Protein backbone atom coordinates (compact mmCIF):
# COMPACT_ATOMS: atom_id res chain seq x y z
CA UNK A 1 34.67 27.60 119.56
CA UNK A 2 37.75 25.78 118.38
CA UNK A 3 38.51 22.11 118.65
CA UNK A 4 40.92 20.94 121.14
CA UNK A 5 44.33 20.36 119.72
CA UNK A 6 45.13 16.57 119.01
CA UNK A 7 48.34 15.30 120.50
CA UNK A 8 51.32 14.68 118.32
CA UNK A 9 51.69 11.12 117.12
CA UNK A 10 55.18 9.70 116.71
CA UNK A 11 55.68 6.29 115.25
CA UNK A 12 58.62 4.26 116.76
CA UNK A 13 60.31 0.89 116.30
CA UNK A 14 61.14 0.15 119.99
CA UNK A 15 58.84 -0.45 123.01
CA UNK A 16 61.33 2.14 125.06
CA UNK A 17 60.98 5.79 124.17
CA UNK A 18 62.41 9.19 125.42
CA UNK A 19 60.53 12.45 125.25
CA UNK A 20 61.92 15.96 125.78
CA UNK A 21 58.88 18.01 124.46
CA UNK A 22 60.79 18.76 121.29
CA UNK A 23 61.11 22.32 122.22
CA UNK A 24 64.78 22.58 123.10
CA UNK A 25 64.84 24.94 126.16
CA UNK A 26 61.24 25.39 125.89
CA UNK A 27 60.51 21.56 126.19
CA UNK A 28 60.24 19.59 129.45
CA UNK A 29 62.56 17.32 131.40
CA UNK A 30 63.58 14.13 129.42
CA UNK A 31 61.38 11.26 130.46
CA UNK A 32 61.82 7.71 129.47
CA UNK A 33 58.77 5.51 128.98
CA UNK A 34 58.16 1.87 128.21
CA UNK A 35 55.04 0.49 126.53
CA UNK A 36 55.17 -2.73 128.20
CA UNK A 37 52.83 -5.26 126.53
CA UNK A 38 50.88 -2.40 124.72
CA UNK A 39 51.66 -0.79 121.39
CA UNK A 40 51.56 2.85 122.48
CA UNK A 41 52.51 5.33 125.38
CA UNK A 42 51.61 8.89 125.94
CA UNK A 43 53.86 11.46 127.51
CA UNK A 44 52.54 12.92 130.90
CA UNK A 45 54.04 16.28 130.08
CA UNK A 46 53.22 17.23 126.62
CA UNK A 47 50.81 14.47 125.70
CA UNK A 48 52.88 13.35 122.60
CA UNK A 49 51.77 9.79 121.77
CA UNK A 50 54.42 7.22 120.77
CA UNK A 51 52.97 4.23 118.69
CA UNK A 52 54.83 1.27 117.88
CA UNK A 53 55.00 0.53 114.00
CA UNK A 54 54.00 -2.90 113.08
């Protein structure tokens, strides 16, 4: 039995990020996400996690 794949973590310097899946035509629609008061947000399409650099 293999372990579930961990989501990709991308470190960013702003609270507002955009994700398109990173696969060009094989990605997903571009979505914009805001971390609000938090320090991370996860894409609802591809599970990429965007983490604020401190």
